[in-house]
Amino acid sequence: MADEFGEFSERQPKSKPVAMGGFMTLEKAVEMGEYRPEYLSTFPQWASLNSYLRWNLIRQAIKNRRRFLMVNYAETFNILDFSLKPEMKKVMTNIEKQIESLQKDEERLRLEYMGGEK
């Protein structure tokens, strides 16, 4: 929706925001982009899932994390007078490293969960 100056305000999220009640759930963690099995295994539901379902949750969390990182990258890149703020280059480099690390983790986890029957 355009504001009083004809500028578009931030887009509304496609999904409902996560309400941070009193505790974290497996679903909330995945929605927020937490994909590490070490963390996800702390939830009781994780133990009842087979490898295929675990992989689907991990994959969804990776997609969410990647989307968050790409939005953060774009927002940082589009800062007004970016060329006059050399300190922002460090932020961009950090985001790029996180994206690269996420890609490596995704490949490793894909092999672990879908690489073959155990």
N, C-alpha and C. Protein backbone atom coordinates (compact mmCIF):
# COMPACT_ATOMS: atom_id res chain seq x y z
N MET A 1 0.84 -1.16 0.00
CA MET A 1 0.00 0.00 0.00
C MET A 1 0.89 1.23 0.00
N ALA A 2 0.55 2.24 -0.79
CA ALA A 2 1.36 3.44 -0.92
C ALA A 2 1.12 4.37 0.26
N ASP A 3 2.21 5.03 0.71
CA ASP A 3 2.06 5.98 1.80
C ASP A 3 1.75 7.38 1.26
N GLU A 4 1.83 8.38 2.10
CA GLU A 4 1.46 9.74 1.69
C GLU A 4 2.37 10.31 0.62
N PHE A 5 3.58 9.77 0.46
CA PHE A 5 4.51 10.25 -0.54
C PHE A 5 4.50 9.42 -1.82
N GLY A 6 3.60 8.46 -1.91
CA GLY A 6 3.51 7.60 -3.08
C GLY A 6 4.49 6.45 -3.04
N GLU A 7 5.22 6.30 -1.93
CA GLU A 7 6.16 5.21 -1.77
C GLU A 7 5.41 3.97 -1.28
N PHE A 8 5.90 2.82 -1.66
CA PHE A 8 5.28 1.59 -1.19
C PHE A 8 5.90 1.20 0.14
N SER A 9 5.05 0.88 1.08
CA SER A 9 5.54 0.44 2.37
C SER A 9 5.98 -1.02 2.26
N GLU A 10 6.57 -1.51 3.33
CA GLU A 10 7.03 -2.90 3.30
C GLU A 10 5.87 -3.83 3.00
N ARG A 11 6.17 -4.88 2.26
CA ARG A 11 5.14 -5.85 1.90
C ARG A 11 4.67 -6.61 3.13
N GLN A 12 3.43 -7.02 3.06
CA GLN A 12 2.89 -7.86 4.12
C GLN A 12 3.42 -9.27 3.92
N PRO A 13 3.77 -9.97 4.99
CA PRO A 13 4.26 -11.34 4.84
C PRO A 13 3.18 -12.25 4.27
N LYS A 14 3.62 -13.25 3.50
CA LYS A 14 2.68 -14.19 2.90
C LYS A 14 2.08 -15.12 3.93
N SER A 15 2.85 -15.43 4.95
CA SER A 15 2.33 -16.31 5.99
C SER A 15 2.11 -15.50 7.26
N LYS A 16 1.34 -16.08 8.14
CA LYS A 16 1.06 -15.40 9.39
C LYS A 16 2.35 -15.30 10.20
N PRO A 17 2.55 -14.19 10.90
CA PRO A 17 3.75 -14.09 11.74
C PRO A 17 3.70 -15.11 12.87
N VAL A 18 4.86 -15.53 13.27
CA VAL A 18 4.95 -16.51 14.34
C VAL A 18 4.77 -15.79 15.67
N ALA A 19 3.78 -16.21 16.42
CA ALA A 19 3.56 -15.64 17.74
C ALA A 19 4.51 -16.30 18.72
N MET A 20 5.34 -15.53 19.33
CA MET A 20 6.31 -16.07 20.27
C MET A 20 5.69 -16.12 21.65
N GLY A 21 4.90 -17.13 21.87
CA GLY A 21 4.26 -17.32 23.16
C GLY A 21 5.29 -17.68 24.21
N GLY A 22 4.93 -18.55 25.09
CA GLY A 22 5.81 -18.91 26.18
C GLY A 22 6.91 -19.88 25.80
N PHE A 23 6.77 -20.59 24.70
CA PHE A 23 7.77 -21.59 24.37
C PHE A 23 7.86 -21.80 22.85
N MET A 24 8.97 -22.39 22.45
CA MET A 24 9.22 -22.68 21.05
C MET A 24 8.69 -24.08 20.74
N THR A 25 8.11 -24.23 19.55
CA THR A 25 7.66 -25.54 19.10
C THR A 25 8.48 -25.94 17.89
N LEU A 26 8.39 -27.19 17.53
CA LEU A 26 9.09 -27.68 16.35
C LEU A 26 8.64 -26.90 15.11
N GLU A 27 7.35 -26.68 14.99
CA GLU A 27 6.81 -25.97 13.83
C GLU A 27 7.31 -24.53 13.77
N LYS A 28 7.35 -23.86 14.92
CA LYS A 28 7.85 -22.48 14.96
C LYS A 28 9.32 -22.42 14.58
N ALA A 29 10.09 -23.37 15.10
CA ALA A 29 11.52 -23.40 14.80
C ALA A 29 11.76 -23.56 13.30
N VAL A 30 11.01 -24.46 12.67
CA VAL A 30 11.16 -24.69 11.23
C VAL A 30 10.73 -23.43 10.47
N GLU A 31 9.64 -22.81 10.88
CA GLU A 31 9.17 -21.61 10.21
C GLU A 31 10.19 -20.47 10.32
N MET A 32 10.92 -20.45 11.42
CA MET A 32 11.92 -19.40 11.62
C MET A 32 13.25 -19.74 10.95
N GLY A 33 13.34 -20.90 10.33
CA GLY A 33 14.53 -21.25 9.56
C GLY A 33 15.58 -22.04 10.32
N GLU A 34 15.20 -22.64 11.42
CA GLU A 34 16.16 -23.48 12.15
C GLU A 34 16.15 -24.88 11.54
N TYR A 35 17.26 -25.28 10.98
CA TYR A 35 17.30 -26.54 10.24
C TYR A 35 18.26 -27.57 10.84
N ARG A 36 19.03 -27.20 11.83
CA ARG A 36 20.03 -28.12 12.37
C ARG A 36 19.37 -29.26 13.14
N PRO A 37 19.61 -30.51 12.74
CA PRO A 37 19.00 -31.66 13.42
C PRO A 37 19.35 -31.71 14.91
N GLU A 38 20.53 -31.20 15.27
CA GLU A 38 20.93 -31.19 16.68
C GLU A 38 19.93 -30.39 17.51
N TYR A 39 19.46 -29.28 16.96
CA TYR A 39 18.48 -28.46 17.67
C TYR A 39 17.07 -29.04 17.55
N LEU A 40 16.70 -29.43 16.34
CA LEU A 40 15.35 -29.95 16.11
C LEU A 40 15.10 -31.21 16.94
N SER A 41 16.14 -31.96 17.21
CA SER A 41 15.97 -33.20 17.99
C SER A 41 15.65 -32.93 19.46
N THR A 42 15.72 -31.69 19.89
CA THR A 42 15.36 -31.36 21.27
C THR A 42 13.85 -31.33 21.48
N PHE A 43 13.09 -31.37 20.39
CA PHE A 43 11.64 -31.37 20.48
C PHE A 43 11.14 -32.82 20.53
N PRO A 44 10.19 -33.12 21.40
CA PRO A 44 9.71 -34.50 21.54
C PRO A 44 9.14 -35.08 20.24
N GLN A 45 8.50 -34.27 19.42
CA GLN A 45 7.88 -34.78 18.18
C GLN A 45 8.94 -35.33 17.22
N TRP A 46 10.15 -34.80 17.28
CA TRP A 46 11.22 -35.19 16.35
C TRP A 46 11.48 -36.70 16.43
N ALA A 47 11.45 -37.23 17.63
CA ALA A 47 11.75 -38.65 17.83
C ALA A 47 10.71 -39.56 17.18
N SER A 48 9.50 -39.07 17.01
CA SER A 48 8.44 -39.90 16.43
C SER A 48 8.40 -39.84 14.91
N LEU A 49 9.25 -39.03 14.29
CA LEU A 49 9.24 -38.87 12.83
C LEU A 49 10.24 -39.81 12.18
N ASN A 50 9.86 -40.31 11.00
CA ASN A 50 10.81 -41.13 10.26
C ASN A 50 11.77 -40.22 9.48
N SER A 51 12.74 -40.81 8.86
CA SER A 51 13.78 -40.05 8.16
C SER A 51 13.22 -39.16 7.06
N TYR A 52 12.24 -39.67 6.33
CA TYR A 52 11.62 -38.91 5.24
C TYR A 52 10.94 -37.64 5.77
N LEU A 53 10.18 -37.76 6.85
CA LEU A 53 9.49 -36.60 7.42
C LEU A 53 10.48 -35.62 8.03
N ARG A 54 11.53 -36.14 8.65
CA ARG A 54 12.56 -35.25 9.19
C ARG A 54 13.21 -34.45 8.08
N TRP A 55 13.52 -35.12 6.97
CA TRP A 55 14.14 -34.43 5.85
C TRP A 55 13.21 -33.33 5.32
N ASN A 56 11.92 -33.61 5.22
CA ASN A 56 10.98 -32.59 4.74
C ASN A 56 10.95 -31.37 5.64
N LEU A 57 11.01 -31.58 6.95
CA LEU A 57 11.06 -30.44 7.87
C LEU A 57 12.37 -29.68 7.71
N ILE A 58 13.47 -30.39 7.61
CA ILE A 58 14.77 -29.75 7.42
C ILE A 58 14.78 -28.96 6.13
N ARG A 59 14.27 -29.56 5.07
CA ARG A 59 14.25 -28.89 3.77
C ARG A 59 13.42 -27.61 3.82
N GLN A 60 12.27 -27.66 4.48
CA GLN A 60 11.42 -26.47 4.61
C GLN A 60 12.14 -25.39 5.42
N ALA A 61 12.81 -25.78 6.47
CA ALA A 61 13.55 -24.82 7.29
C ALA A 61 14.68 -24.18 6.49
N ILE A 62 15.36 -24.97 5.67
CA ILE A 62 16.43 -24.44 4.82
C ILE A 62 15.86 -23.43 3.83
N LYS A 63 14.73 -23.74 3.23
CA LYS A 63 14.08 -22.79 2.31
C LYS A 63 13.75 -21.49 3.03
N ASN A 64 13.22 -21.61 4.25
CA ASN A 64 12.88 -20.42 5.03
C ASN A 64 14.13 -19.60 5.35
N ARG A 65 15.19 -20.28 5.80
CA ARG A 65 16.44 -19.59 6.13
C ARG A 65 17.01 -18.90 4.89
N ARG A 66 16.99 -19.59 3.75
CA ARG A 66 17.52 -19.00 2.52
C ARG A 66 16.72 -17.75 2.14
N ARG A 67 15.40 -17.82 2.27
CA ARG A 67 14.57 -16.66 1.95
C ARG A 67 14.91 -15.49 2.89
N PHE A 68 15.07 -15.75 4.17
CA PHE A 68 15.42 -14.70 5.12
C PHE A 68 16.76 -14.06 4.76
N LEU A 69 17.74 -14.90 4.43
CA LEU A 69 19.06 -14.38 4.08
C LEU A 69 19.01 -13.55 2.79
N MET A 70 18.26 -14.00 1.81
CA MET A 70 18.17 -13.25 0.55
C MET A 70 17.47 -11.91 0.75
N VAL A 71 16.43 -11.88 1.57
CA VAL A 71 15.75 -10.62 1.86
C VAL A 71 16.70 -9.69 2.61
N ASN A 72 17.43 -10.22 3.57
CA ASN A 72 18.39 -9.42 4.32
C ASN A 72 19.47 -8.88 3.39
N TYR A 73 19.95 -9.70 2.47
CA TYR A 73 20.94 -9.27 1.49
C TYR A 73 20.41 -8.13 0.65
N ALA A 74 19.19 -8.28 0.15
CA ALA A 74 18.60 -7.25 -0.70
C ALA A 74 18.37 -5.95 0.08
N GLU A 75 17.89 -6.06 1.30
CA GLU A 75 17.66 -4.86 2.11
C GLU A 75 18.98 -4.15 2.39
N THR A 76 20.02 -4.91 2.67
CA THR A 76 21.33 -4.30 2.94
C THR A 76 21.88 -3.67 1.67
N PHE A 77 21.76 -4.34 0.56
CA PHE A 77 22.27 -3.83 -0.71
C PHE A 77 21.56 -2.54 -1.13
N ASN A 78 20.29 -2.43 -0.79
CA ASN A 78 19.49 -1.28 -1.21
C ASN A 78 19.51 -0.12 -0.24
N ILE A 79 20.43 -0.13 0.71
CA ILE A 79 20.57 0.99 1.63
C ILE A 79 20.95 2.22 0.83
N LEU A 80 20.30 3.33 1.15
CA LEU A 80 20.62 4.58 0.45
C LEU A 80 22.10 4.92 0.64
N ASP A 81 22.72 5.38 -0.42
CA ASP A 81 24.13 5.76 -0.42
C ASP A 81 25.03 4.62 0.05
N PHE A 82 24.74 3.43 -0.44
CA PHE A 82 25.53 2.25 -0.06
C PHE A 82 27.01 2.46 -0.35
N SER A 83 27.30 3.13 -1.45
CA SER A 83 28.71 3.34 -1.83
C SER A 83 29.43 4.24 -0.83
N LEU A 84 28.68 5.02 -0.07
CA LEU A 84 29.29 5.91 0.94
C LEU A 84 29.42 5.24 2.30
N LYS A 85 29.01 3.98 2.39
CA LYS A 85 29.06 3.26 3.66
C LYS A 85 29.87 1.98 3.50
N PRO A 86 31.20 2.10 3.46
CA PRO A 86 32.04 0.92 3.23
C PRO A 86 31.89 -0.14 4.32
N GLU A 87 31.46 0.23 5.51
CA GLU A 87 31.29 -0.75 6.58
C GLU A 87 30.19 -1.76 6.25
N MET A 88 29.29 -1.40 5.35
CA MET A 88 28.22 -2.31 4.97
C MET A 88 28.73 -3.46 4.10
N LYS A 89 29.89 -3.29 3.50
CA LYS A 89 30.49 -4.37 2.71
C LYS A 89 30.76 -5.58 3.59
N LYS A 90 31.15 -5.34 4.85
CA LYS A 90 31.39 -6.43 5.79
C LYS A 90 30.10 -7.19 6.07
N VAL A 91 28.99 -6.47 6.18
CA VAL A 91 27.69 -7.11 6.40
C VAL A 91 27.34 -7.97 5.20
N MET A 92 27.53 -7.44 4.00
CA MET A 92 27.23 -8.19 2.78
C MET A 92 28.07 -9.46 2.71
N THR A 93 29.34 -9.34 3.03
CA THR A 93 30.23 -10.50 3.01
C THR A 93 29.77 -11.56 4.00
N ASN A 94 29.35 -11.12 5.18
CA ASN A 94 28.86 -12.06 6.19
C ASN A 94 27.61 -12.79 5.70
N ILE A 95 26.69 -12.08 5.09
CA ILE A 95 25.47 -12.71 4.56
C ILE A 95 25.84 -13.72 3.47
N GLU A 96 26.78 -13.35 2.60
CA GLU A 96 27.22 -14.26 1.54
C GLU A 96 27.82 -15.54 2.12
N LYS A 97 28.60 -15.39 3.20
CA LYS A 97 29.18 -16.57 3.85
C LYS A 97 28.10 -17.45 4.45
N GLN A 98 27.08 -16.84 5.04
CA GLN A 98 25.98 -17.62 5.60
C GLN A 98 25.22 -18.38 4.51
N ILE A 99 25.02 -17.75 3.36
CA ILE A 99 24.34 -18.40 2.24
C ILE A 99 25.18 -19.59 1.74
N GLU A 100 26.48 -19.38 1.64
CA GLU A 100 27.38 -20.46 1.21
C GLU A 100 27.38 -21.61 2.21
N SER A 101 27.42 -21.29 3.48
CA SER A 101 27.38 -22.31 4.52
C SER A 101 26.06 -23.07 4.50
N LEU A 102 24.97 -22.36 4.27
CA LEU A 102 23.66 -23.00 4.18
C LEU A 102 23.63 -24.00 3.03
N GLN A 103 24.22 -23.63 1.90
CA GLN A 103 24.26 -24.52 0.73
C GLN A 103 25.03 -25.80 1.06
N LYS A 104 26.16 -25.65 1.72
CA LYS A 104 26.96 -26.83 2.10
C LYS A 104 26.20 -27.71 3.08
N ASP A 105 25.56 -27.07 4.06
CA ASP A 105 24.77 -27.84 5.03
C ASP A 105 23.63 -28.58 4.35
N GLU A 106 22.98 -27.92 3.39
CA GLU A 106 21.88 -28.57 2.68
C GLU A 106 22.37 -29.82 1.94
N GLU A 107 23.50 -29.71 1.27
CA GLU A 107 24.04 -30.85 0.54
C GLU A 107 24.40 -31.99 1.50
N ARG A 108 25.02 -31.65 2.63
CA ARG A 108 25.40 -32.66 3.62
C ARG A 108 24.17 -33.35 4.19
N LEU A 109 23.16 -32.57 4.53
CA LEU A 109 21.95 -33.14 5.12
C LEU A 109 21.15 -33.95 4.10
N ARG A 110 21.17 -33.52 2.85
CA ARG A 110 20.49 -34.29 1.80
C ARG A 110 21.12 -35.68 1.67
N LEU A 111 22.43 -35.72 1.71
CA LEU A 111 23.12 -37.02 1.65
C LEU A 111 22.80 -37.86 2.88
N GLU A 112 22.77 -37.21 4.04
CA GLU A 112 22.52 -37.93 5.29
C GLU A 112 21.10 -38.51 5.32
N TYR A 113 20.11 -37.74 4.89
CA TYR A 113 18.73 -38.18 5.02
C TYR A 113 18.17 -38.86 3.77
N MET A 114 18.73 -38.58 2.60
CA MET A 114 18.18 -39.15 1.38
C MET A 114 19.22 -39.93 0.58
N GLY A 115 20.41 -40.07 1.10
CA GLY A 115 21.50 -40.70 0.38
C GLY A 115 21.36 -42.20 0.19
N GLY A 116 20.57 -42.82 0.96
CA GLY A 116 20.40 -44.26 0.85
C GLY A 116 19.70 -44.82 2.06
N GLU A 117 19.20 -45.98 1.89
CA GLU A 117 18.46 -46.65 2.98
C GLU A 117 19.46 -47.15 4.01
N LYS A 118 19.08 -47.05 5.26
CA LYS A 118 19.94 -47.50 6.34
C LYS A 118 19.44 -48.79 6.90
